[in-house]
């Protein structure tokens, strides 16, 4: 997965300079403060860099990858819905995936702020003195009352308060964020993947079963697929070597298995992502910028958000109908669990919408702007089970090539298929349903389809054999047909 570069970090704004006030006493006039005697004035900071075009990026491994936008994201590419397309595309309502640069330099603001001269005294000394006396009286009353209460409640011969009397043990209920984090963290791991050439980065995963299977993103372990090295480190510091059991590039899901897995593994409880509602609380766990075991919170901002992203190789893309959250997700969070308020996994953190400006500690990657995307766990669970059983992903398909152009008001079946193949697969689901080249699919069941990528993401939320209703337009007329989804095994 490609991640974006960040610019120079913006320096924090200084605190506001003190403003002189009238003297509190009614005595003789005071001399003005001598220069330099008070807090020095602070020049205002330079103008922050202007906002840059936002980029859709994976919330993945810490090091930046090759830019998917530059490696292969031309618009108008036509791809088969059943195969992983070769180019990244701009998903509907989401800015196009591209490599971001650092923000431009801002110009300095105007002259430094100057403290105003002390104002002349206004003859309100009597009022100030009266207020001061009243404050002293109130303070004395409060102190006397406090002493009386303390005396009445004191059953010992000493009024000394010990540290143990002021707090006591802190109990955090299971439903609190702290309670959820305490239960989930021991089953979350930081993954380091490295290719044979030494390239790679850091991501996150979580315990899927007691046999040692860990679920994560494909782009987290992509570097280690062909003979590379994978390790998983638990929060207690125990580190295990692992192997890639299977990976699905189109779904962006992968499963690794710990070697010599411990016997006390506790899988995280999986929730039901179909029942998630906008506004539900979310908790994300991951290793943003390599900071392992980081917990952030937010809400579900939207559902069924069409998202596409690349694994950084400049070839195949991933498609999802994602859960959107404003929980802070950054590079390194990829593969980590997105939890609900009860601690159930409802998604796998996978991608972020990120600004190309800004920075964090001099790093070269963009950070969270509150737009994170997670693969719904219902889909990820099905994919993970397939990978554990066979080592290969299984994709649902309709058997037709659709345009990946944005703004077609639907998914248009192309006149020619990918690599010269037929646009409508002979004997496939689309052919049996009577679909033809030029037809524009506008709905799948009750889900509005506004582009080819949206259709692919929606189809992949289903399983082969599912029956769906397709609404399409032909020659200005709307038609509806039911078809049974076919299947395709593997990413190629």
Protein backbone atom coordinates (compact mmCIF):
# COMPACT_ATOMS: atom_id res chain seq x y z
CA UNK A 1 0.00 0.00 0.00
CA UNK A 2 1.24 3.41 -0.81
CA UNK A 3 1.41 5.98 1.91
CA UNK A 4 1.68 9.72 1.52
CA UNK A 5 4.58 12.02 2.31
CA UNK A 6 4.17 14.64 4.95
CA UNK A 7 5.57 18.11 5.00
CA UNK A 8 7.35 19.94 7.77
CA UNK A 9 5.48 19.98 11.05
CA UNK A 10 3.74 23.28 11.84
CA UNK A 11 5.19 24.90 14.99
CA UNK A 12 2.71 25.30 17.84
CA UNK A 13 1.21 28.75 18.32
CA UNK A 14 2.63 30.62 21.34
CA UNK A 15 0.42 31.41 24.28
CA UNK A 16 -1.20 34.84 24.22
CA UNK A 17 1.00 37.62 25.68
CA UNK A 18 -0.12 38.94 29.07
CA UNK A 19 -2.35 41.99 29.07
CA UNK A 20 -1.62 44.64 31.77
CA UNK A 21 -4.41 45.22 34.29
CA UNK A 22 -5.14 47.92 36.84
CA UNK A 23 -3.31 47.80 40.15
CA UNK A 24 -5.43 45.99 42.79
CA UNK A 25 -4.69 48.35 45.66
CA UNK A 26 -5.95 51.87 46.43
CA UNK A 27 -2.57 53.17 47.53
CA UNK A 28 -0.28 55.64 45.80
CA UNK A 29 0.17 55.36 42.02
CA UNK A 30 2.73 52.81 40.87
CA UNK A 31 5.48 53.37 38.42
CA UNK A 32 4.98 51.82 34.95
CA UNK A 33 6.66 48.52 34.47
CA UNK A 34 10.21 48.89 33.33
CA UNK A 35 11.06 47.57 29.88
CA UNK A 36 12.00 43.92 30.09
CA UNK A 37 10.58 43.48 33.57
CA UNK A 38 7.47 41.63 32.42
CA UNK A 39 7.02 38.64 30.12
CA UNK A 40 8.71 39.35 26.79
CA UNK A 41 6.58 39.66 23.73
CA UNK A 42 6.58 36.66 21.42
CA UNK A 43 6.65 37.03 17.65
CA UNK A 44 3.76 35.29 15.96
CA UNK A 45 4.61 32.04 14.14
CA UNK A 46 4.98 31.79 10.39
CA UNK A 47 1.88 31.16 8.34
CA UNK A 48 1.00 27.44 8.25
CA UNK A 49 1.32 25.81 4.84
CA UNK A 50 -1.79 26.04 2.71
CA UNK A 51 -3.96 22.92 2.48
CA UNK A 52 -2.99 20.60 -0.33
CA UNK A 53 -5.12 18.31 -2.43
CA UNK A 54 -6.28 15.39 -0.31
CA UNK A 55 -5.18 11.88 -1.14
CA UNK A 56 -6.72 8.48 -0.45
CA UNK A 57 -4.07 6.30 1.09
CA UNK A 58 -3.74 3.07 3.00
CA UNK A 59 -3.32 3.42 6.72
CA UNK A 60 -0.64 0.86 6.28
CA UNK A 61 3.01 0.21 6.75
CA UNK A 62 5.22 2.88 8.12
CA UNK A 63 7.62 3.40 5.16
CA UNK A 64 6.27 5.11 2.02
CA UNK A 65 5.73 2.96 -1.01
CA UNK A 66 5.72 3.70 -4.70
CA UNK A 67 2.95 6.08 -5.68
CA UNK A 68 -0.03 4.24 -7.02
CA UNK A 69 -1.10 7.34 -8.84
CA UNK A 70 2.16 7.57 -10.74
CA UNK A 71 2.62 3.85 -11.19
CA UNK A 72 -0.65 3.19 -12.86
CA UNK A 73 -3.77 5.18 -12.20
CA UNK A 74 -4.88 6.62 -15.54
CA UNK A 75 -8.54 7.36 -15.78
CA UNK A 76 -10.81 5.45 -18.08
CA UNK A 77 -9.24 2.05 -17.62
CA UNK A 78 -11.59 -0.76 -18.36
CA UNK A 79 -11.39 -3.82 -16.17
CA UNK A 80 -13.27 -7.01 -15.50
CA UNK A 81 -15.37 -6.94 -12.36
CA UNK A 82 -14.24 -10.42 -11.47
CA UNK A 83 -10.55 -9.69 -11.72
CA UNK A 84 -8.35 -7.28 -9.81
CA UNK A 85 -8.02 -4.21 -12.08
CA UNK A 86 -4.61 -3.00 -13.08
CA UNK A 87 -5.02 0.65 -12.21
CA UNK A 88 -6.13 2.64 -9.21
CA UNK A 89 -9.27 4.67 -9.77
CA UNK A 90 -10.97 7.62 -8.11
CA UNK A 91 -13.81 6.17 -6.01
CA UNK A 92 -17.10 8.07 -5.96
CA UNK A 93 -17.21 10.89 -3.43
CA UNK A 94 -13.57 10.13 -2.60
CA UNK A 95 -10.64 12.12 -4.06
CA UNK A 96 -8.43 10.12 -6.36
CA UNK A 97 -5.62 7.98 -5.03
CA UNK A 98 -2.32 9.67 -5.71
CA UNK A 99 1.06 10.33 -4.23
CA UNK A 100 1.27 13.51 -2.19
CA UNK A 101 4.19 15.84 -1.74
CA UNK A 102 5.13 18.05 1.13
CA UNK A 103 3.29 21.29 1.63
CA UNK A 104 4.62 24.61 0.39
CA UNK A 105 6.41 27.10 2.62
CA UNK A 106 4.32 29.86 4.15
CA UNK A 107 5.38 33.49 4.39
CA UNK A 108 5.98 35.21 7.71
CA UNK A 109 3.25 37.25 9.25
CA UNK A 110 3.61 40.97 10.02
CA UNK A 111 5.62 42.73 12.74
CA UNK A 112 5.88 41.21 16.20
CA UNK A 113 3.08 41.89 18.63
CA UNK A 114 3.84 44.80 21.01
CA UNK A 115 2.45 44.96 24.52
CA UNK A 116 0.26 48.03 25.09
CA UNK A 117 1.40 50.62 27.60
CA UNK A 118 -0.18 50.31 31.08
CA UNK A 119 -3.50 52.12 31.29
CA UNK A 120 -3.78 55.06 33.73
CA UNK A 121 -5.41 54.23 37.03
CA UNK A 122 -9.12 55.03 37.11
CA UNK A 123 -9.70 55.85 40.77
CA UNK A 124 -11.46 52.51 41.54
CA UNK A 125 -9.17 51.65 44.44
CA UNK A 126 -11.97 51.79 47.01
CA UNK A 127 -14.06 49.31 45.04
CA UNK A 128 -11.10 46.99 44.57
CA UNK A 129 -10.32 47.16 48.28
CA UNK A 130 -13.94 46.38 49.15
CA UNK A 131 -13.91 43.37 46.84
CA UNK A 132 -10.63 42.24 48.36
CA UNK A 133 -12.07 42.49 51.90
CA UNK A 134 -15.16 40.55 50.82
CA UNK A 135 -12.97 37.87 49.30
CA UNK A 136 -10.97 37.61 52.50
CA UNK A 137 -14.14 37.30 54.56
CA UNK A 138 -15.54 34.64 52.25
CA UNK A 139 -12.25 32.82 52.34
CA UNK A 140 -12.21 32.92 56.12
CA UNK A 141 -15.77 31.64 56.26
CA UNK A 142 -14.97 28.84 53.88
CA UNK A 143 -11.88 27.92 55.82
CA UNK A 144 -13.75 27.95 59.11
CA UNK A 145 -16.56 25.85 57.69
CA UNK A 146 -14.09 23.39 56.24
CA UNK A 147 -12.29 23.09 59.57
CA UNK A 148 -15.56 22.52 61.41
CA UNK A 149 -16.61 19.77 59.02
CA UNK A 150 -13.21 18.17 59.24
CA UNK A 151 -13.31 18.31 63.03
CA UNK A 152 -16.78 16.74 63.17
CA UNK A 153 -15.81 13.93 60.79
CA UNK A 154 -12.46 13.20 62.41
CA UNK A 155 -12.62 10.04 64.50
CA UNK A 156 -8.92 9.91 65.20
CA UNK A 157 -6.55 11.99 67.25
CA UNK A 158 -4.76 13.25 64.14
CA UNK A 159 -5.90 15.52 61.31
CA UNK A 160 -3.12 14.34 58.95
CA UNK A 161 -4.44 13.05 55.60
CA UNK A 162 -2.50 10.14 54.16
CA UNK A 163 -2.18 9.27 50.46
CA UNK A 164 -4.37 6.21 50.92
CA UNK A 165 -7.23 8.37 52.18
CA UNK A 166 -7.39 10.52 49.04
CA UNK A 167 -8.03 7.99 46.29
CA UNK A 168 -8.29 4.27 46.69
CA UNK A 169 -8.40 1.62 43.99
CA UNK A 170 -9.74 2.58 40.56
CA UNK A 171 -12.18 0.14 38.99
CA UNK A 172 -12.95 0.52 35.30
CA UNK A 173 -16.11 -1.12 34.05
CA UNK A 174 -15.86 -3.48 31.05
CA UNK A 175 -17.98 -1.11 28.95
CA UNK A 176 -15.59 1.82 29.26
CA UNK A 177 -12.93 2.55 26.65
CA UNK A 178 -10.27 1.62 29.18
CA UNK A 179 -12.06 -1.65 29.93
CA UNK A 180 -12.41 -2.53 26.24
CA UNK A 181 -8.77 -1.65 25.55
CA UNK A 182 -7.53 -3.72 28.50
CA UNK A 183 -9.35 -6.76 27.12
CA UNK A 184 -8.48 -6.27 23.43
CA UNK A 185 -4.84 -5.19 23.60
CA UNK A 186 -3.44 -8.60 24.66
CA UNK A 187 -4.93 -10.08 21.46
CA UNK A 188 -3.57 -7.39 19.13
CA UNK A 189 -0.12 -7.68 17.57
CA UNK A 190 2.32 -5.42 15.79
CA UNK A 191 3.41 -7.00 12.50
CA UNK A 192 6.76 -6.43 10.83
CA UNK A 193 7.00 -7.67 7.25
CA UNK A 194 10.24 -7.71 5.29
CA UNK A 195 11.01 -8.77 1.73
CA UNK A 196 14.07 -10.72 0.66
CA UNK A 197 15.69 -7.42 -0.29
CA UNK A 198 15.08 -5.94 3.17
CA UNK A 199 12.16 -3.68 2.26
CA UNK A 200 9.00 -3.62 4.32
CA UNK A 201 7.32 -1.92 7.22
CA UNK A 202 5.02 -2.12 10.20
CA UNK A 203 1.32 -2.89 10.49
CA UNK A 204 -1.14 -4.46 12.88
CA UNK A 205 -3.16 -7.66 13.22
CA UNK A 206 -5.38 -9.44 15.73
CA UNK A 207 -5.83 -12.99 16.98
CA UNK A 208 -8.45 -14.81 14.94
CA UNK A 209 -8.42 -18.26 16.58
CA UNK A 210 -6.61 -20.33 19.20
CA UNK A 211 -4.46 -22.06 16.56
CA UNK A 212 -2.36 -18.95 16.02
CA UNK A 213 -3.99 -17.39 12.97
CA UNK A 214 -3.70 -13.60 12.81
CA UNK A 215 -5.89 -11.49 10.50
CA UNK A 216 -4.43 -8.37 8.90
CA UNK A 217 -4.38 -6.45 5.60
CA UNK A 218 -2.84 -7.85 2.45
CA UNK A 219 -0.78 -4.71 1.95
CA UNK A 220 0.76 -5.13 5.42
CA UNK A 221 2.39 -8.45 4.51
CA UNK A 222 2.64 -8.08 0.71
CA UNK A 223 6.42 -7.59 0.85
CA UNK A 224 6.92 -10.88 2.67
CA UNK A 225 4.72 -13.08 0.46
CA UNK A 226 7.54 -14.42 -1.74
CA UNK A 227 10.15 -15.70 0.66
CA UNK A 228 10.18 -12.71 3.00
CA UNK A 229 10.06 -12.57 6.78
CA UNK A 230 7.11 -11.86 9.06
CA UNK A 231 7.10 -11.37 12.83
CA UNK A 232 4.30 -10.58 15.28
CA UNK A 233 4.91 -8.89 18.62
CA UNK A 234 2.39 -8.88 21.46
CA UNK A 235 1.99 -5.99 23.92
CA UNK A 236 3.85 -7.98 26.59
CA UNK A 237 6.92 -7.94 24.34
CA UNK A 238 6.78 -11.58 23.24
CA UNK A 239 7.75 -11.86 19.59
CA UNK A 240 6.94 -14.74 17.25
CA UNK A 241 8.01 -15.64 13.74
CA UNK A 242 5.07 -16.16 11.39
CA UNK A 243 4.24 -17.28 7.88
CA UNK A 244 1.69 -16.00 5.36
CA UNK A 245 -1.11 -18.57 5.09
CA UNK A 246 -2.99 -16.74 2.36
CA UNK A 247 -3.66 -13.28 1.01
CA UNK A 248 -6.43 -11.68 -1.04
CA UNK A 249 -5.26 -8.67 -2.99
CA UNK A 250 -8.71 -7.61 -4.15
CA UNK A 251 -10.22 -7.76 -0.68
CA UNK A 252 -7.01 -6.47 0.97
CA UNK A 253 -7.20 -9.22 3.60
CA UNK A 254 -4.42 -11.60 4.64
CA UNK A 255 -3.91 -14.29 7.27
CA UNK A 256 -0.61 -15.17 8.91
CA UNK A 257 0.06 -17.96 11.38
CA UNK A 258 2.38 -17.80 14.36
CA UNK A 259 5.13 -20.38 14.53
CA UNK A 260 5.23 -22.06 17.95
CA UNK A 261 2.05 -20.23 18.91
CA UNK A 262 1.35 -19.98 22.65
CA UNK A 263 -1.46 -22.09 24.10
CA UNK A 264 -3.22 -19.21 25.84
CA UNK A 265 -4.26 -17.17 22.80
CA UNK A 266 -7.57 -15.34 23.21
CA UNK A 267 -9.28 -14.53 19.88
CA UNK A 268 -11.14 -11.24 19.71
CA UNK A 269 -14.91 -11.54 19.52
CA UNK A 270 -16.27 -10.73 16.06
CA UNK A 271 -19.31 -8.47 15.84
CA UNK A 272 -21.90 -8.02 13.09
CA UNK A 273 -20.92 -5.18 10.76
CA UNK A 274 -24.34 -5.27 9.06
CA UNK A 275 -25.93 -4.05 12.29
CA UNK A 276 -23.54 -1.13 12.77
CA UNK A 277 -25.26 2.28 12.69
CA UNK A 278 -23.92 5.72 11.89
CA UNK A 279 -23.02 7.38 15.19
CA UNK A 280 -22.00 4.17 16.97
CA UNK A 281 -18.85 4.50 19.06
CA UNK A 282 -15.64 3.01 17.69
CA UNK A 283 -12.26 2.09 19.17
CA UNK A 284 -9.24 1.55 16.91
CA UNK A 285 -6.06 -0.25 17.96
CA UNK A 286 -2.83 -0.22 15.98
CA UNK A 287 0.76 0.92 15.62
CA UNK A 288 0.55 4.37 13.99
CA UNK A 289 3.99 5.43 12.78
CA UNK A 290 5.40 2.41 14.62
CA UNK A 291 3.90 3.41 18.00
CA UNK A 292 2.61 -0.02 19.00
CA UNK A 293 -0.51 -0.61 21.09
CA UNK A 294 -2.05 2.79 20.41
CA UNK A 295 -5.77 3.17 21.19
CA UNK A 296 -7.97 5.88 19.62
CA UNK A 297 -11.70 6.49 19.68
CA UNK A 298 -14.39 7.93 17.44
CA UNK A 299 -17.70 7.06 15.83
CA UNK A 300 -19.01 5.42 12.67
CA UNK A 301 -19.21 8.37 10.28
CA UNK A 302 -20.75 6.54 7.32
CA UNK A 303 -21.43 3.06 5.95
CA UNK A 304 -21.07 1.47 2.51
CA UNK A 305 -18.45 3.99 1.46
CA UNK A 306 -16.94 2.90 -1.91
CA UNK A 307 -13.16 2.89 -1.55
CA UNK A 308 -10.36 1.66 -3.78
CA UNK A 309 -6.65 1.62 -3.09
CA UNK A 310 -3.44 0.03 -4.30
CA UNK A 311 -0.97 -2.24 -2.50
CA UNK A 312 1.88 -0.06 -3.72
CA UNK A 313 3.06 -2.35 -6.52
CA UNK A 314 1.38 -0.18 -9.13
CA UNK A 315 -0.77 -3.05 -10.36
CA UNK A 316 -3.83 -4.58 -8.76
CA UNK A 317 -6.25 -2.56 -6.66
CA UNK A 318 -8.40 -3.37 -3.65
CA UNK A 319 -12.10 -2.55 -3.48
CA UNK A 320 -14.30 -2.27 -0.44
CA UNK A 321 -17.68 -1.02 0.63
CA UNK A 322 -16.16 0.42 3.77
CA UNK A 323 -17.12 1.56 7.22
CA UNK A 324 -16.00 5.18 7.64
CA UNK A 325 -14.79 6.32 11.06
CA UNK A 326 -13.30 9.47 12.53
CA UNK A 327 -11.20 7.49 15.03
CA UNK A 328 -7.61 8.54 14.46
CA UNK A 329 -6.01 6.08 12.01
CA UNK A 330 -2.52 6.57 10.64
CA UNK A 331 0.12 4.63 8.69
CA UNK A 332 0.81 1.56 10.83
CA UNK A 333 -2.83 1.12 11.91
CA UNK A 334 -3.55 -1.07 8.88
CA UNK A 335 -4.75 -4.54 9.74
CA UNK A 336 -5.72 -3.56 13.26
CA UNK A 337 -9.20 -4.09 14.70
CA UNK A 338 -11.93 -1.49 14.67
CA UNK A 339 -14.04 -2.29 17.73
CA UNK A 340 -17.50 -1.31 18.88
CA UNK A 341 -18.25 -0.05 22.39
CA UNK A 342 -18.54 -3.62 23.68
CA UNK A 343 -15.14 -4.64 22.30
CA UNK A 344 -16.42 -6.66 19.32
CA UNK A 345 -14.47 -6.41 16.07
CA UNK A 346 -16.62 -4.68 13.45
CA UNK A 347 -13.93 -3.94 10.87
CA UNK A 348 -10.28 -4.04 9.83
CA UNK A 349 -8.63 -0.62 9.58
CA UNK A 350 -7.32 -0.32 6.05
CA UNK A 351 -7.18 3.13 4.46
CA UNK A 352 -7.27 6.83 5.23
CA UNK A 353 -8.11 10.00 3.37
CA UNK A 354 -5.11 12.18 4.03
CA UNK A 355 -3.83 15.66 3.32
CA UNK A 356 -0.42 15.92 1.71
CA UNK A 357 0.59 18.74 4.02
CA UNK A 358 1.56 18.63 7.67
CA UNK A 359 3.82 16.22 9.45
CA UNK A 360 4.62 14.33 12.62
CA UNK A 361 8.02 14.40 14.19
CA UNK A 362 9.78 14.92 10.89
CA UNK A 363 8.37 11.76 9.34
CA UNK A 364 7.66 11.61 5.63
CA UNK A 365 4.04 10.45 5.77
CA UNK A 366 0.67 12.11 6.08
CA UNK A 367 -1.49 11.59 9.12
CA UNK A 368 -5.13 11.32 10.08
CA UNK A 369 -7.61 14.05 9.24
CA UNK A 370 -10.53 12.11 10.69
CA UNK A 371 -11.40 10.10 7.57
CA UNK A 372 -10.56 6.45 8.09
CA UNK A 373 -11.95 3.38 6.33
CA UNK A 374 -12.32 -0.19 7.55
CA UNK A 375 -13.24 -3.43 5.80
CA UNK A 376 -16.53 -4.67 7.35
CA UNK A 377 -15.80 -7.71 9.52
CA UNK A 378 -18.60 -9.80 7.97
CA UNK A 379 -16.73 -9.69 4.67
CA UNK A 380 -13.29 -10.06 6.24
CA UNK A 381 -14.38 -13.09 8.27
CA UNK A 382 -15.57 -14.92 5.15
CA UNK A 383 -12.33 -14.10 3.32
CA UNK A 384 -10.15 -15.15 6.27
CA UNK A 385 -11.93 -18.48 6.56
CA UNK A 386 -11.39 -19.15 2.85
CA UNK A 387 -7.69 -18.31 3.15
CA UNK A 388 -7.24 -20.61 6.15
CA UNK A 389 -9.05 -23.46 4.40
CA UNK A 390 -7.57 -23.21 0.89
CA UNK A 391 -4.91 -20.50 0.94
CA UNK A 392 -6.72 -18.68 -1.90
CA UNK A 393 -9.48 -16.08 -1.98
CA UNK A 394 -12.85 -16.68 -3.62
CA UNK A 395 -14.60 -13.72 -5.27
CA UNK A 396 -18.24 -13.33 -6.27
CA UNK A 397 -18.81 -12.10 -9.83
CA UNK A 398 -21.51 -11.28 -12.39
CA UNK A 399 -19.33 -12.17 -15.39
CA UNK A 400 -19.15 -8.81 -17.16
CA UNK A 401 -16.50 -6.16 -17.74
CA UNK A 402 -17.44 -2.67 -16.56
CA UNK A 403 -15.90 0.73 -17.13
CA UNK A 404 -13.84 2.17 -14.29
CA UNK A 405 -14.52 5.73 -15.45
CA UNK A 406 -15.98 8.00 -12.81
CA UNK A 407 -19.08 10.03 -13.53
CA UNK A 408 -20.91 7.54 -15.75
CA UNK A 409 -23.99 7.58 -13.46
CA UNK A 410 -23.72 3.84 -13.14
CA UNK A 411 -21.55 0.87 -14.06
CA UNK A 412 -21.50 0.58 -17.84
CA UNK A 413 -20.74 -2.77 -19.41
CA UNK A 414 -17.89 -2.16 -21.84
CA UNK A 415 -17.86 -2.95 -25.53
CA UNK A 416 -14.69 -4.99 -25.10
CA UNK A 417 -13.47 -7.02 -22.15
CA UNK A 418 -10.09 -6.90 -20.43
CA UNK A 419 -7.18 -8.18 -22.53
CA UNK A 420 -9.46 -8.62 -25.54
CA UNK A 421 -11.90 -10.99 -23.83
CA UNK A 422 -15.66 -10.89 -24.31
CA UNK A 423 -17.28 -8.06 -22.30
CA UNK A 424 -20.04 -10.44 -21.18
CA UNK A 425 -18.75 -13.88 -20.20
CA UNK A 426 -20.41 -16.61 -22.22
CA UNK A 427 -22.65 -18.69 -19.97
CA UNK A 428 -21.95 -16.41 -16.99
CA UNK A 429 -24.53 -14.84 -14.65
CA UNK A 430 -24.80 -11.60 -16.65
CA UNK A 431 -25.25 -13.46 -19.94
CA UNK A 432 -27.94 -15.68 -18.45
CA UNK A 433 -29.72 -12.57 -17.16
CA UNK A 434 -29.70 -11.03 -20.66
CA UNK A 435 -27.25 -8.20 -19.96
CA UNK A 436 -25.39 -6.79 -22.97
CA UNK A 437 -22.48 -4.42 -23.74
CA UNK A 438 -23.60 -0.81 -23.31
CA UNK A 439 -26.06 -1.58 -20.51
CA UNK A 440 -25.65 0.70 -17.50
CA UNK A 441 -26.18 -0.95 -14.11
CA UNK A 442 -27.70 1.58 -11.68
CA UNK A 443 -28.66 -0.60 -8.71
CA UNK A 444 -27.66 -3.83 -7.01
CA UNK A 445 -30.60 -4.78 -4.79
CA UNK A 446 -31.41 -1.45 -3.07
CA UNK A 447 -27.87 -0.08 -3.29
CA UNK A 448 -27.40 2.76 -5.79
CA UNK A 449 -24.50 2.10 -8.19
CA UNK A 450 -22.82 5.24 -9.49
CA UNK A 451 -19.68 3.73 -11.07
CA UNK A 452 -17.93 0.51 -11.99
CA UNK A 453 -15.75 0.47 -8.86
CA UNK A 454 -18.83 0.89 -6.66
CA UNK A 455 -20.42 -2.12 -8.35
CA UNK A 456 -17.29 -4.23 -7.78
CA UNK A 457 -17.16 -3.29 -4.11
CA UNK A 458 -20.83 -4.15 -3.64
CA UNK A 459 -20.55 -7.49 -5.47
CA UNK A 460 -17.61 -8.44 -3.25
CA UNK A 461 -19.70 -7.92 -0.11
CA UNK A 462 -21.67 -10.98 -1.30
CA UNK A 463 -20.77 -14.64 -1.57
CA UNK A 464 -20.87 -16.80 -4.71
CA UNK A 465 -24.35 -18.28 -5.08
CA UNK A 466 -26.13 -15.24 -3.61
CA UNK A 467 -29.13 -14.02 -5.61
CA UNK A 468 -29.19 -10.30 -6.32
CA UNK A 469 -31.49 -7.96 -8.21
CA UNK A 470 -29.84 -5.87 -10.93
CA UNK A 471 -31.43 -2.65 -12.20
CA UNK A 472 -30.03 -1.39 -15.50
CA UNK A 473 -30.77 1.05 -18.29
CA UNK A 474 -30.81 0.26 -22.01
CA UNK A 475 -31.87 2.63 -24.76
CA UNK A 476 -33.32 5.05 -22.22
CA UNK A 477 -35.50 2.41 -20.56
CA UNK A 478 -35.08 0.89 -17.08
CA UNK A 479 -35.08 -2.88 -16.62
CA UNK A 480 -34.80 -5.16 -13.58
CA UNK A 481 -33.49 -8.71 -13.55
CA UNK A 482 -32.47 -11.24 -10.90
CA UNK A 483 -29.24 -13.21 -11.22
CA UNK A 484 -27.16 -15.63 -9.19
CA UNK A 485 -23.58 -14.57 -8.55
CA UNK A 486 -20.80 -16.77 -9.88
CA UNK A 487 -17.35 -17.32 -8.39
CA UNK A 488 -13.70 -16.86 -9.21
CA UNK A 489 -10.82 -18.33 -7.23
CA UNK A 490 -7.51 -16.54 -6.79
CA UNK A 491 -6.28 -13.04 -7.57
CA UNK A 492 -5.04 -13.70 -11.10
